[in-house]
Protein backbone atom coordinates (compact mmCIF):
# COMPACT_ATOMS: atom_id res chain seq x y z
CA UNK A 1 0.00 0.00 0.00
CA UNK A 2 1.08 3.51 -0.74
CA UNK A 3 2.02 5.64 2.26
CA UNK A 4 1.34 9.05 0.72
CA UNK A 5 -1.42 10.52 -1.37
CA UNK A 6 0.94 11.21 -4.25
CA UNK A 7 2.08 7.58 -4.23
CA UNK A 8 -1.55 6.44 -4.40
CA UNK A 9 -2.15 8.71 -7.37
CA UNK A 10 0.97 7.33 -9.07
CA UNK A 11 -0.37 3.82 -8.54
CA UNK A 12 -3.68 4.77 -10.16
CA UNK A 13 -1.90 6.39 -13.09
CA UNK A 14 0.40 3.41 -13.50
CA UNK A 15 -2.52 0.96 -13.51
CA UNK A 16 -4.41 3.04 -16.09
CA UNK A 17 -1.33 3.15 -18.33
CA UNK A 18 -0.74 -0.58 -17.92
CA UNK A 19 -4.29 -1.36 -19.03
CA UNK A 20 -4.09 1.05 -21.97
CA UNK A 21 -0.75 -0.42 -23.10
CA UNK A 22 -2.08 -3.95 -22.72
CA UNK A 23 -5.12 -3.10 -24.85
CA UNK A 24 -2.91 -1.59 -27.56
CA UNK A 25 -0.57 -4.58 -27.66
CA UNK A 26 -3.53 -6.94 -27.85
CA UNK A 27 -4.98 -4.97 -30.77
CA UNK A 28 -1.64 -5.14 -32.58
CA UNK A 29 -1.44 -8.92 -32.10
CA UNK A 30 -5.02 -9.35 -33.35
CA UNK A 31 -4.49 -7.26 -36.48
CA UNK A 32 -1.19 -8.99 -37.27
CA UNK A 33 -2.92 -12.36 -36.91
CA UNK A 34 -5.68 -11.23 -39.30
CA UNK A 35 -3.09 -10.06 -41.81
CA UNK A 36 -1.22 -13.37 -41.66
CA UNK A 37 -4.48 -15.27 -42.20
CA UNK A 38 -5.24 -13.13 -45.27
CA UNK A 39 -1.74 -13.74 -46.63
CA UNK A 40 -2.16 -17.47 -46.03
CA UNK A 41 -5.48 -17.34 -47.88
CA UNK A 42 -3.80 -15.46 -50.76
CA UNK A 43 -6.27 -12.57 -50.53
CA UNK A 44 -3.96 -9.78 -51.71
CA UNK A 45 -6.40 -6.84 -51.81
CA UNK A 46 -7.63 -7.33 -48.26
CA UNK A 47 -4.12 -8.16 -47.08
CA UNK A 48 -2.83 -4.81 -48.35
CA UNK A 49 -5.58 -3.00 -46.44
CA UNK A 50 -4.85 -5.06 -43.32
CA UNK A 51 -1.13 -4.23 -43.64
CA UNK A 52 -1.96 -0.52 -43.62
CA UNK A 53 -3.92 -0.99 -40.40
CA UNK A 54 -1.04 -2.94 -38.83
CA UNK A 55 1.48 -0.35 -39.95
CA UNK A 56 -0.54 2.46 -38.42
CA UNK A 57 -0.98 0.61 -35.12
CA UNK A 58 2.71 -0.28 -34.90
CA UNK A 59 3.85 3.26 -35.69
CA UNK A 60 1.45 4.75 -33.16
CA UNK A 61 2.52 2.30 -30.44
CA UNK A 62 6.18 3.03 -31.17
CA UNK A 63 5.59 6.79 -31.07
CA UNK A 64 3.89 6.45 -27.68
CA UNK A 65 6.68 4.16 -26.38
CA UNK A 66 4.32 1.24 -25.86
CA UNK A 67 6.69 -0.85 -27.95
CA UNK A 68 10.24 -0.02 -29.00
CA UNK A 69 10.61 1.73 -32.35
CA UNK A 70 12.96 -0.97 -33.66
CA UNK A 71 10.49 -3.66 -32.67
CA UNK A 72 7.83 -1.89 -34.73
CA UNK A 73 10.23 -1.54 -37.67
CA UNK A 74 11.18 -5.21 -37.49
CA UNK A 75 7.56 -6.35 -37.40
CA UNK A 76 6.61 -4.09 -40.32
CA UNK A 77 9.58 -5.32 -42.34
CA UNK A 78 8.71 -8.97 -41.79
CA UNK A 79 5.03 -8.40 -42.58
CA UNK A 80 5.72 -6.54 -45.83
CA UNK A 81 8.14 -9.30 -46.88
CA UNK A 82 5.40 -11.88 -46.39
CA UNK A 83 2.94 -9.66 -48.24
CA UNK A 84 5.33 -9.29 -51.19
CA UNK A 85 5.73 -13.07 -51.32
CA UNK A 86 2.15 -13.17 -52.68
CA UNK A 87 3.37 -11.56 -55.92
CA UNK A 88 5.83 -14.32 -56.68
């Protein structure tokens, strides 16, 4: 338990941030999973749209320091490589 009022407020803020970050990470995982399913199903048009959604989510999360910027870049790079493999 927090001993001071400011420490209690910091706990509340920390918990709110934790839940918000958790929600964002979950959304990223869900959208990436959807994209991979579309790539597996060879549905290029919908996969391109899904990639744009994933890219936006990853960039936003990286900008807000929810995930590291290099992690976002690595995920985007791997996803676009899989998406381009549909052309071959």
